[in-house]
C-alpha cells in the first residue's frame, strides 16, 4: 500500500515537472518560443517561416525573414544567445541570393587507436557564418546579433551581391587552414 501511495503521488509530480520542462523551462519548445518572441520584437521583421530539426530538443532553429522595405533573409543556428552576442550566426540567403560553398575543412575524428586527431575533409554548405567564422571579416564589423544583422541588411546584401556564381567560385582560406570556394545562386524574388 505504501508503494502505491508513493507512485500515485510521484506520477503527477513527475508529469507536472515534465510539462514545465518541455513547454516553459529549458526544454523542448521553450527555446523555440523564446526565439520566435525575440524575432517578433524586431519591428522591421516579418517571420515568413520558422523551422527546426526535431530531436530530443528542437535543434538547429532557422528562420526565413522578410525585412520590411528591403527583402528576405535566411538565418541558421538561432539560439537565445543570437539576440545578445552569439559566438556564431549562420546566413543562408539575402535579397534573392542563396549562399553556397564547397571546400576542405579540418574536422576532429577518433582514429583506429582511439585517439583524437584533426583531418581535412571535403565540405559543402548552404550557409556561412556571418558572426564568428572565416567569412565574418567580409561584412560590416558592427554585426553582433540578429538585430544588428537586420540593421545592416543593405551592407550585407552589397557584399553578397558581388560574390561570383557557381562557375566562377572565389577562394578563401581561414586562419586555421580551412579552404572555401564560395558563390551565390540567384533566386527569383
N, C-alpha and C. Protein backbone atom coordinates (compact mmCIF):
# COMPACT_ATOMS: atom_id res chain seq x y z
N UNK A 1 0.83 -1.20 0.00
CA UNK A 1 0.00 0.00 0.00
C UNK A 1 0.87 1.26 0.00
N UNK A 2 1.99 1.21 0.74
CA UNK A 2 2.88 2.36 0.80
C UNK A 2 3.46 2.67 -0.58
N UNK A 3 3.85 1.65 -1.33
CA UNK A 3 4.38 1.85 -2.69
C UNK A 3 3.31 2.46 -3.60
N UNK A 4 2.13 2.01 -3.49
CA UNK A 4 1.03 2.52 -4.30
C UNK A 4 0.83 4.01 -4.06
N UNK A 5 0.86 4.43 -2.80
CA UNK A 5 0.69 5.85 -2.47
C UNK A 5 1.85 6.68 -3.00
N UNK A 6 3.05 6.14 -2.91
CA UNK A 6 4.21 6.85 -3.44
C UNK A 6 4.07 7.04 -4.95
N UNK A 7 3.68 5.99 -5.65
CA UNK A 7 3.50 6.06 -7.11
C UNK A 7 2.38 7.03 -7.46
N UNK A 8 1.28 6.97 -6.75
CA UNK A 8 0.15 7.85 -7.02
C UNK A 8 0.54 9.31 -6.80
N UNK A 9 1.36 9.58 -5.81
CA UNK A 9 1.81 10.94 -5.54
C UNK A 9 2.91 11.36 -6.52
N UNK A 10 3.85 10.47 -6.77
CA UNK A 10 5.01 10.79 -7.59
C UNK A 10 4.65 10.99 -9.07
N UNK A 11 3.73 10.22 -9.61
CA UNK A 11 3.38 10.32 -11.01
C UNK A 11 2.90 11.73 -11.40
N UNK A 12 1.95 12.32 -10.69
CA UNK A 12 1.52 13.68 -11.08
C UNK A 12 2.65 14.71 -10.93
N UNK A 13 3.50 14.55 -9.91
CA UNK A 13 4.61 15.48 -9.72
C UNK A 13 5.58 15.38 -10.90
N UNK A 14 5.91 14.18 -11.30
CA UNK A 14 6.81 13.99 -12.45
C UNK A 14 6.17 14.50 -13.74
N UNK A 15 4.89 14.26 -13.90
CA UNK A 15 4.18 14.74 -15.08
C UNK A 15 4.19 16.27 -15.14
N UNK A 16 3.93 16.91 -14.01
CA UNK A 16 3.97 18.38 -13.96
C UNK A 16 5.37 18.91 -14.24
N UNK A 17 6.38 18.24 -13.69
CA UNK A 17 7.77 18.66 -13.96
C UNK A 17 8.07 18.54 -15.45
N UNK A 18 7.68 17.43 -16.06
CA UNK A 18 7.93 17.23 -17.48
C UNK A 18 7.22 18.30 -18.31
N UNK A 19 5.98 18.59 -17.99
CA UNK A 19 5.24 19.62 -18.72
C UNK A 19 5.91 20.98 -18.59
N UNK A 20 6.33 21.32 -17.37
CA UNK A 20 7.03 22.59 -17.17
C UNK A 20 8.32 22.61 -17.98
N UNK A 21 9.11 21.56 -17.86
CA UNK A 21 10.39 21.50 -18.54
C UNK A 21 10.21 21.59 -20.05
N UNK A 22 9.25 20.91 -20.59
CA UNK A 22 9.04 20.85 -22.02
C UNK A 22 8.50 22.15 -22.60
N UNK A 23 7.55 22.76 -21.94
CA UNK A 23 6.85 23.89 -22.54
C UNK A 23 7.15 25.25 -21.92
N UNK A 24 7.79 25.28 -20.77
CA UNK A 24 8.06 26.55 -20.12
C UNK A 24 9.55 26.73 -19.85
N UNK A 25 10.16 25.75 -19.24
CA UNK A 25 11.56 25.82 -18.84
C UNK A 25 12.52 25.67 -20.00
N UNK A 26 13.67 25.10 -19.73
CA UNK A 26 14.71 24.99 -20.76
C UNK A 26 14.49 23.85 -21.74
N UNK A 27 13.32 23.29 -21.76
CA UNK A 27 13.06 22.07 -22.52
C UNK A 27 12.72 22.27 -23.97
N UNK A 28 12.08 21.27 -24.50
CA UNK A 28 11.82 21.05 -25.92
C UNK A 28 11.37 22.29 -26.69
N UNK A 29 10.27 22.91 -26.34
CA UNK A 29 9.71 24.02 -27.10
C UNK A 29 10.13 25.39 -26.57
N UNK A 30 10.70 25.43 -25.39
CA UNK A 30 10.94 26.72 -24.74
C UNK A 30 11.88 27.62 -25.54
N UNK A 31 13.02 27.11 -26.00
CA UNK A 31 13.94 27.95 -26.75
C UNK A 31 13.32 28.41 -28.07
N UNK A 32 12.60 27.52 -28.74
CA UNK A 32 11.92 27.87 -29.98
C UNK A 32 10.95 29.03 -29.75
N UNK A 33 10.15 28.93 -28.69
CA UNK A 33 9.20 30.00 -28.37
C UNK A 33 9.92 31.31 -28.03
N UNK A 34 11.03 31.20 -27.30
CA UNK A 34 11.80 32.40 -26.96
C UNK A 34 12.37 33.06 -28.21
N UNK A 35 12.88 32.26 -29.13
CA UNK A 35 13.43 32.80 -30.37
C UNK A 35 12.33 33.48 -31.18
N UNK A 36 11.19 32.84 -31.29
CA UNK A 36 10.07 33.43 -32.02
C UNK A 36 9.67 34.77 -31.38
N UNK A 37 9.60 34.81 -30.06
CA UNK A 37 9.25 36.05 -29.36
C UNK A 37 10.28 37.15 -29.62
N UNK A 38 11.57 36.80 -29.62
CA UNK A 38 12.62 37.79 -29.88
C UNK A 38 12.53 38.31 -31.31
N UNK A 39 12.27 37.42 -32.27
CA UNK A 39 12.12 37.86 -33.66
C UNK A 39 10.92 38.79 -33.81
N UNK A 40 9.84 38.48 -33.11
CA UNK A 40 8.63 39.31 -33.19
C UNK A 40 8.85 40.70 -32.59
N UNK A 41 9.84 40.86 -31.72
CA UNK A 41 10.15 42.17 -31.13
C UNK A 41 10.83 43.11 -32.12
N UNK A 42 11.42 42.56 -33.17
CA UNK A 42 12.15 43.39 -34.14
C UNK A 42 11.13 43.93 -35.14
N UNK A 43 10.83 45.22 -35.02
CA UNK A 43 9.72 45.82 -35.79
C UNK A 43 9.93 45.75 -37.30
N UNK A 44 11.16 45.71 -37.75
CA UNK A 44 11.42 45.68 -39.19
C UNK A 44 11.20 44.31 -39.82
N UNK A 45 10.93 43.30 -39.00
CA UNK A 45 10.85 41.92 -39.49
C UNK A 45 9.45 41.37 -39.56
N UNK A 46 9.25 40.52 -40.56
CA UNK A 46 8.09 39.63 -40.63
C UNK A 46 8.66 38.22 -40.72
N UNK A 47 8.16 37.31 -39.90
CA UNK A 47 8.61 35.93 -39.96
C UNK A 47 7.84 35.23 -41.07
N UNK A 48 8.55 34.79 -42.10
CA UNK A 48 7.90 34.05 -43.19
C UNK A 48 7.84 32.57 -42.85
N UNK A 49 8.90 32.07 -42.23
CA UNK A 49 8.96 30.66 -41.87
C UNK A 49 9.96 30.50 -40.72
N UNK A 50 9.62 29.66 -39.77
CA UNK A 50 10.49 29.37 -38.63
C UNK A 50 10.53 27.86 -38.50
N UNK A 51 11.72 27.28 -38.56
CA UNK A 51 11.83 25.84 -38.57
C UNK A 51 12.91 25.32 -37.64
N UNK A 52 13.02 24.00 -37.60
CA UNK A 52 13.95 23.35 -36.68
C UNK A 52 14.15 21.91 -37.09
N UNK A 53 15.20 21.31 -36.52
CA UNK A 53 15.45 19.88 -36.65
C UNK A 53 14.88 19.24 -35.39
N UNK A 54 13.95 18.33 -35.56
CA UNK A 54 13.28 17.71 -34.42
C UNK A 54 14.12 16.54 -33.90
N UNK A 55 14.50 16.62 -32.64
CA UNK A 55 15.30 15.58 -31.99
C UNK A 55 14.85 15.54 -30.53
N UNK A 56 15.76 15.23 -29.62
CA UNK A 56 15.43 15.26 -28.19
C UNK A 56 15.05 16.68 -27.79
N UNK A 57 15.72 17.65 -28.40
CA UNK A 57 15.33 19.06 -28.27
C UNK A 57 15.09 19.57 -29.69
N UNK A 58 14.57 20.75 -29.82
CA UNK A 58 14.44 21.36 -31.13
C UNK A 58 15.80 21.96 -31.45
N UNK A 59 16.50 21.39 -32.42
CA UNK A 59 17.86 21.81 -32.73
C UNK A 59 17.89 22.58 -34.03
N UNK A 60 19.00 23.28 -34.23
CA UNK A 60 19.25 23.95 -35.50
C UNK A 60 18.05 24.79 -35.94
N UNK A 61 17.64 25.68 -35.08
CA UNK A 61 16.50 26.54 -35.39
C UNK A 61 16.92 27.56 -36.46
N UNK A 62 16.08 27.71 -37.47
CA UNK A 62 16.36 28.62 -38.58
C UNK A 62 15.10 29.43 -38.89
N UNK A 63 15.32 30.52 -39.64
CA UNK A 63 14.18 31.37 -39.98
C UNK A 63 14.38 32.00 -41.35
N UNK A 64 13.28 32.09 -42.08
CA UNK A 64 13.22 32.91 -43.29
C UNK A 64 12.45 34.15 -42.88
N UNK A 65 13.10 35.28 -43.01
CA UNK A 65 12.56 36.54 -42.52
C UNK A 65 12.41 37.53 -43.67
N UNK A 66 11.44 38.41 -43.56
CA UNK A 66 11.29 39.50 -44.52
C UNK A 66 11.60 40.80 -43.79
N UNK A 67 12.62 41.50 -44.28
CA UNK A 67 12.96 42.81 -43.73
C UNK A 67 12.13 43.83 -44.51
N UNK A 68 11.23 44.47 -43.80
CA UNK A 68 10.27 45.38 -44.44
C UNK A 68 10.98 46.45 -45.26
N UNK A 69 10.51 46.61 -46.49
CA UNK A 69 11.06 47.62 -47.38
C UNK A 69 12.39 47.23 -48.01
N UNK A 70 12.89 46.02 -47.72
CA UNK A 70 14.21 45.63 -48.22
C UNK A 70 14.16 44.30 -48.95
N UNK A 71 13.93 43.21 -48.24
CA UNK A 71 13.92 41.90 -48.87
C UNK A 71 14.00 40.79 -47.84
N UNK A 72 14.25 39.59 -48.33
CA UNK A 72 14.27 38.41 -47.46
C UNK A 72 15.68 38.09 -46.98
N UNK A 73 15.69 37.34 -45.89
CA UNK A 73 16.92 36.98 -45.19
C UNK A 73 16.69 35.62 -44.56
N UNK A 74 17.64 34.69 -44.71
CA UNK A 74 17.54 33.38 -44.07
C UNK A 74 18.70 33.22 -43.11
N UNK A 75 18.38 32.93 -41.85
CA UNK A 75 19.42 32.75 -40.83
C UNK A 75 19.31 31.36 -40.23
N UNK A 76 20.46 30.82 -39.85
CA UNK A 76 20.56 29.48 -39.28
C UNK A 76 21.27 29.53 -37.94
N UNK A 77 21.08 28.47 -37.17
CA UNK A 77 21.77 28.35 -35.89
C UNK A 77 21.25 29.31 -34.84
N UNK A 78 19.96 29.62 -34.90
CA UNK A 78 19.39 30.55 -33.93
C UNK A 78 19.30 29.91 -32.54
N UNK A 79 19.70 30.68 -31.55
CA UNK A 79 19.58 30.30 -30.15
C UNK A 79 19.13 31.54 -29.39
N UNK A 80 18.87 31.40 -28.13
CA UNK A 80 18.53 32.58 -27.31
C UNK A 80 19.66 33.60 -27.38
N UNK A 81 20.89 33.12 -27.44
CA UNK A 81 22.07 33.98 -27.47
C UNK A 81 22.16 34.80 -28.76
N UNK A 82 21.47 34.38 -29.82
CA UNK A 82 21.54 35.06 -31.11
C UNK A 82 21.08 36.51 -31.04
N UNK A 83 20.37 36.86 -29.98
CA UNK A 83 19.84 38.22 -29.84
C UNK A 83 20.67 39.04 -28.85
N UNK A 84 21.74 38.43 -28.35
CA UNK A 84 22.67 39.12 -27.45
C UNK A 84 24.00 39.25 -28.18
N UNK A 85 25.00 38.42 -27.84
CA UNK A 85 26.26 38.41 -28.56
C UNK A 85 26.69 36.97 -28.79
N UNK A 86 26.13 36.34 -29.83
CA UNK A 86 26.43 34.93 -30.08
C UNK A 86 27.86 34.73 -30.61
N UNK A 87 28.35 33.53 -30.43
CA UNK A 87 29.66 33.18 -30.99
C UNK A 87 29.53 32.90 -32.48
N UNK A 88 28.35 32.45 -32.90
CA UNK A 88 28.12 32.11 -34.30
C UNK A 88 26.69 32.46 -34.71
N UNK A 89 26.55 32.82 -35.98
CA UNK A 89 25.24 33.02 -36.58
C UNK A 89 25.38 32.73 -38.06
N UNK A 90 24.52 31.86 -38.58
CA UNK A 90 24.60 31.47 -39.98
C UNK A 90 23.72 32.31 -40.87
N UNK A 91 24.22 32.63 -42.06
CA UNK A 91 23.47 33.36 -43.07
C UNK A 91 23.37 32.47 -44.30
N UNK A 92 22.14 32.16 -44.71
CA UNK A 92 21.92 31.26 -45.84
C UNK A 92 21.48 31.95 -47.11
N UNK A 93 20.81 33.08 -46.97
CA UNK A 93 20.32 33.80 -48.15
C UNK A 93 20.01 35.23 -47.77
N UNK A 94 20.13 36.11 -48.76
CA UNK A 94 19.77 37.50 -48.56
C UNK A 94 19.43 38.12 -49.92
N UNK A 95 18.32 38.84 -49.96
CA UNK A 95 17.96 39.61 -51.14
C UNK A 95 17.97 38.87 -52.45
N UNK A 96 17.54 37.63 -52.47
CA UNK A 96 17.50 36.87 -53.70
C UNK A 96 18.79 36.15 -54.05
N UNK A 97 19.74 36.10 -53.13
CA UNK A 97 20.99 35.38 -53.34
C UNK A 97 21.09 34.26 -52.31
N UNK A 98 21.12 33.01 -52.79
CA UNK A 98 21.38 31.87 -51.91
C UNK A 98 22.89 31.70 -51.81
N UNK A 99 23.39 31.55 -50.60
CA UNK A 99 24.81 31.45 -50.35
C UNK A 99 25.21 29.98 -50.37
N UNK A 100 26.31 29.67 -51.04
CA UNK A 100 26.81 28.29 -51.13
C UNK A 100 28.33 28.29 -50.98
N UNK A 101 28.86 27.14 -50.59
CA UNK A 101 30.31 26.97 -50.59
C UNK A 101 30.66 25.49 -50.70
N UNK A 102 31.87 25.24 -51.17
CA UNK A 102 32.48 23.92 -51.15
C UNK A 102 33.88 24.13 -50.60
N UNK A 103 34.56 23.07 -50.25
CA UNK A 103 35.92 23.24 -49.79
C UNK A 103 36.43 22.08 -48.97
N UNK A 104 37.47 22.39 -48.19
CA UNK A 104 38.09 21.41 -47.31
C UNK A 104 38.23 22.06 -45.94
N UNK A 105 37.83 21.31 -44.93
CA UNK A 105 37.80 21.85 -43.58
C UNK A 105 38.35 20.82 -42.60
N UNK A 106 39.12 21.29 -41.62
CA UNK A 106 39.63 20.39 -40.59
C UNK A 106 38.48 19.94 -39.70
N UNK A 107 38.45 18.63 -39.42
CA UNK A 107 37.44 18.05 -38.54
C UNK A 107 38.13 17.15 -37.53
N UNK A 108 37.61 17.14 -36.33
CA UNK A 108 38.13 16.27 -35.28
C UNK A 108 37.49 14.89 -35.41
N UNK A 109 38.32 13.85 -35.45
CA UNK A 109 37.84 12.48 -35.54
C UNK A 109 38.60 11.62 -34.53
N UNK A 110 38.07 10.44 -34.29
CA UNK A 110 38.76 9.46 -33.46
C UNK A 110 39.37 8.42 -34.39
N UNK A 111 40.69 8.24 -34.30
CA UNK A 111 41.34 7.28 -35.20
C UNK A 111 41.18 5.86 -34.68
N UNK A 112 41.73 4.89 -35.41
CA UNK A 112 41.59 3.49 -35.05
C UNK A 112 42.17 3.17 -33.68
N UNK A 113 43.17 3.93 -33.26
CA UNK A 113 43.78 3.71 -31.94
C UNK A 113 42.96 4.34 -30.81
N UNK A 114 41.90 5.06 -31.18
CA UNK A 114 41.06 5.70 -30.17
C UNK A 114 41.49 7.10 -29.79
N UNK A 115 42.48 7.63 -30.50
CA UNK A 115 42.98 8.98 -30.23
C UNK A 115 42.26 10.00 -31.12
N UNK A 116 42.10 11.22 -30.60
CA UNK A 116 41.51 12.30 -31.39
C UNK A 116 42.57 12.88 -32.29
N UNK A 117 42.19 13.16 -33.54
CA UNK A 117 43.10 13.81 -34.46
C UNK A 117 42.29 14.68 -35.41
N UNK A 118 42.98 15.59 -36.04
CA UNK A 118 42.35 16.52 -36.96
C UNK A 118 42.68 16.09 -38.38
N UNK A 119 41.65 15.93 -39.20
CA UNK A 119 41.86 15.59 -40.61
C UNK A 119 41.12 16.62 -41.47
N UNK A 120 41.59 16.77 -42.69
CA UNK A 120 40.93 17.69 -43.62
C UNK A 120 39.92 16.89 -44.43
N UNK A 121 38.70 17.38 -44.46
CA UNK A 121 37.61 16.66 -45.12
C UNK A 121 36.88 17.59 -46.08
N UNK A 122 36.32 17.02 -47.13
CA UNK A 122 35.52 17.81 -48.07
C UNK A 122 34.25 18.28 -47.39
N UNK A 123 33.87 19.52 -47.64
CA UNK A 123 32.64 20.08 -47.10
C UNK A 123 31.91 20.85 -48.19
N UNK A 124 30.63 21.02 -47.97
CA UNK A 124 29.83 21.91 -48.81
C UNK A 124 28.71 22.41 -47.93
N UNK A 125 28.19 23.56 -48.25
CA UNK A 125 27.14 24.11 -47.41
C UNK A 125 26.29 25.13 -48.12
N UNK A 126 25.18 25.43 -47.43
CA UNK A 126 24.20 26.38 -47.94
C UNK A 126 24.08 27.61 -47.04
N UNK A 127 25.08 27.82 -46.20
CA UNK A 127 25.10 28.98 -45.33
C UNK A 127 26.53 29.20 -44.85
N UNK A 128 26.84 30.43 -44.53
CA UNK A 128 28.16 30.77 -43.97
C UNK A 128 27.95 31.40 -42.60
N UNK A 129 28.99 31.42 -41.80
CA UNK A 129 28.88 32.07 -40.50
C UNK A 129 29.22 33.54 -40.67
N UNK A 130 28.21 34.36 -40.48
CA UNK A 130 28.39 35.80 -40.62
C UNK A 130 28.94 36.40 -39.32
N UNK A 131 28.74 35.68 -38.23
CA UNK A 131 29.35 36.03 -36.95
C UNK A 131 30.20 34.84 -36.53
N UNK A 132 31.48 35.06 -36.30
CA UNK A 132 32.34 34.02 -35.78
C UNK A 132 32.76 32.98 -36.80
N UNK A 133 33.46 33.36 -37.80
CA UNK A 133 33.96 32.40 -38.77
C UNK A 133 34.80 33.10 -39.82
N UNK A 134 35.31 32.33 -40.76
CA UNK A 134 36.19 32.87 -41.79
C UNK A 134 35.51 33.96 -42.63
N UNK A 135 34.21 33.83 -42.83
CA UNK A 135 33.50 34.79 -43.68
C UNK A 135 33.14 36.08 -42.95
N UNK A 136 33.13 36.06 -41.64
CA UNK A 136 32.63 37.21 -40.88
C UNK A 136 33.42 38.48 -41.14
N UNK A 137 34.69 38.36 -41.49
CA UNK A 137 35.52 39.55 -41.73
C UNK A 137 35.12 40.31 -42.99
N UNK A 138 34.34 39.69 -43.86
CA UNK A 138 33.92 40.34 -45.10
C UNK A 138 32.79 41.35 -44.88
N UNK A 139 32.13 41.25 -43.74
CA UNK A 139 30.90 42.01 -43.51
C UNK A 139 31.12 43.15 -42.53
N UNK A 140 30.17 44.09 -42.48
CA UNK A 140 30.30 45.21 -41.53
C UNK A 140 30.61 44.70 -40.12
N UNK A 141 31.58 45.32 -39.48
CA UNK A 141 32.08 44.83 -38.18
C UNK A 141 31.08 45.01 -37.04
N UNK A 142 30.06 45.82 -37.24
CA UNK A 142 29.13 46.03 -36.14
C UNK A 142 27.98 45.02 -36.13
N UNK A 143 28.11 43.93 -36.88
CA UNK A 143 27.10 42.87 -36.81
C UNK A 143 27.45 41.99 -35.60
N UNK A 144 26.64 42.11 -34.58
CA UNK A 144 26.89 41.41 -33.32
C UNK A 144 25.79 40.41 -32.97
N UNK A 145 24.62 40.54 -33.61
CA UNK A 145 23.47 39.68 -33.30
C UNK A 145 22.44 39.81 -34.42
N UNK A 146 21.30 39.18 -34.24
CA UNK A 146 20.25 39.22 -35.27
C UNK A 146 19.79 40.65 -35.52
N UNK A 147 19.61 41.42 -34.46
CA UNK A 147 19.12 42.79 -34.62
C UNK A 147 20.08 43.63 -35.46
N UNK A 148 21.38 43.51 -35.21
CA UNK A 148 22.34 44.31 -35.99
C UNK A 148 22.49 43.77 -37.41
N UNK A 149 22.24 42.47 -37.61
CA UNK A 149 22.21 41.93 -38.96
C UNK A 149 21.08 42.58 -39.76
N UNK A 150 19.92 42.70 -39.14
CA UNK A 150 18.77 43.34 -39.80
C UNK A 150 19.09 44.80 -40.10
N UNK A 151 19.68 45.50 -39.15
CA UNK A 151 20.02 46.92 -39.37
C UNK A 151 21.06 47.09 -40.48
N UNK A 152 21.94 46.10 -40.65
CA UNK A 152 22.99 46.15 -41.67
C UNK A 152 22.61 45.39 -42.94
N UNK A 153 21.33 45.17 -43.15
CA UNK A 153 20.85 44.40 -44.30
C UNK A 153 21.48 44.90 -45.61
N UNK A 154 21.42 46.20 -45.85
CA UNK A 154 21.92 46.75 -47.10
C UNK A 154 23.41 46.49 -47.28
N UNK A 155 24.19 46.67 -46.22
CA UNK A 155 25.63 46.42 -46.30
C UNK A 155 25.96 44.97 -46.55
N UNK A 156 25.23 44.05 -45.91
CA UNK A 156 25.44 42.62 -46.12
C UNK A 156 25.04 42.25 -47.54
N UNK A 157 23.90 42.75 -48.00
CA UNK A 157 23.45 42.48 -49.37
C UNK A 157 24.46 43.00 -50.38
N UNK A 158 25.04 44.16 -50.12
CA UNK A 158 26.04 44.72 -51.04
C UNK A 158 27.23 43.76 -51.18
N UNK A 159 27.69 43.19 -50.07
CA UNK A 159 28.81 42.25 -50.11
C UNK A 159 28.42 40.99 -50.88
N UNK A 160 27.31 40.38 -50.48
CA UNK A 160 26.90 39.10 -51.08
C UNK A 160 26.56 39.25 -52.55
N UNK A 161 25.98 40.37 -52.94
CA UNK A 161 25.59 40.56 -54.34
C UNK A 161 26.80 40.63 -55.27
N UNK A 162 27.97 40.87 -54.74
CA UNK A 162 29.20 40.92 -55.54
C UNK A 162 29.91 39.57 -55.60
N UNK A 163 29.39 38.58 -54.89
CA UNK A 163 30.01 37.26 -54.93
C UNK A 163 29.76 36.61 -56.28
N UNK A 164 30.66 35.76 -56.73
CA UNK A 164 30.52 35.13 -58.05
C UNK A 164 29.43 34.06 -58.07
N UNK A 165 29.13 33.61 -59.29
CA UNK A 165 28.19 32.50 -59.45
C UNK A 165 28.94 31.17 -59.35
N UNK A 166 28.23 30.06 -59.53
CA UNK A 166 28.82 28.72 -59.35
C UNK A 166 29.96 28.44 -60.32
N UNK A 167 29.95 29.06 -61.49
CA UNK A 167 31.01 28.82 -62.48
C UNK A 167 32.29 29.61 -62.19
N UNK A 168 32.21 30.58 -61.28
CA UNK A 168 33.35 31.45 -61.00
C UNK A 168 33.63 31.56 -59.50
N UNK A 169 33.58 30.46 -58.79
CA UNK A 169 33.74 30.47 -57.33
C UNK A 169 34.99 31.23 -56.91
N UNK A 170 34.89 31.86 -55.75
CA UNK A 170 36.01 32.62 -55.21
C UNK A 170 36.60 31.85 -54.02
N UNK A 171 37.90 31.88 -53.88
CA UNK A 171 38.62 31.10 -52.86
C UNK A 171 38.85 31.94 -51.60
N UNK A 172 38.71 31.28 -50.45
CA UNK A 172 39.00 31.91 -49.17
C UNK A 172 39.65 30.86 -48.27
N UNK A 173 40.75 31.25 -47.63
CA UNK A 173 41.38 30.35 -46.66
C UNK A 173 41.32 31.01 -45.29
N UNK A 174 40.85 30.24 -44.29
CA UNK A 174 40.74 30.77 -42.94
C UNK A 174 42.09 30.74 -42.24
N UNK A 175 42.16 31.39 -41.10
CA UNK A 175 43.39 31.40 -40.30
C UNK A 175 43.79 30.00 -39.85
N UNK A 176 42.81 29.10 -39.73
CA UNK A 176 43.09 27.74 -39.28
C UNK A 176 43.40 26.78 -40.42
N UNK A 177 43.42 27.28 -41.66
CA UNK A 177 43.77 26.45 -42.80
C UNK A 177 42.59 25.84 -43.54
N UNK A 178 41.37 26.12 -43.09
CA UNK A 178 40.20 25.66 -43.83
C UNK A 178 40.13 26.40 -45.16
N UNK A 179 39.70 25.70 -46.21
CA UNK A 179 39.64 26.30 -47.54
C UNK A 179 38.20 26.28 -48.05
N UNK A 180 37.76 27.40 -48.57
CA UNK A 180 36.40 27.51 -49.06
C UNK A 180 36.38 28.11 -50.46
N UNK A 181 35.49 27.63 -51.28
CA UNK A 181 35.19 28.21 -52.59
C UNK A 181 33.73 28.64 -52.50
N UNK A 182 33.52 29.92 -52.41
CA UNK A 182 32.16 30.42 -52.15
C UNK A 182 31.57 31.07 -53.39
N UNK A 183 30.23 31.06 -53.40
CA UNK A 183 29.49 31.61 -54.53
C UNK A 183 28.03 31.78 -54.13
N UNK A 184 27.25 32.36 -55.03
CA UNK A 184 25.82 32.51 -54.80
C UNK A 184 25.04 31.93 -55.97
N UNK A 185 23.82 31.61 -55.68
CA UNK A 185 22.86 31.21 -56.69
C UNK A 185 21.73 32.22 -56.63
N UNK A 186 21.49 32.90 -57.73
CA UNK A 186 20.43 33.91 -57.77
C UNK A 186 19.08 33.23 -57.80
N UNK A 187 18.19 33.66 -56.90
CA UNK A 187 16.84 33.11 -56.86
C UNK A 187 15.87 34.16 -57.37
N UNK A 188 14.70 33.70 -57.74
CA UNK A 188 13.67 34.64 -58.17
C UNK A 188 13.06 35.27 -56.94
N UNK A 189 12.92 36.58 -56.93
CA UNK A 189 12.32 37.25 -55.78
C UNK A 189 10.99 37.84 -56.11
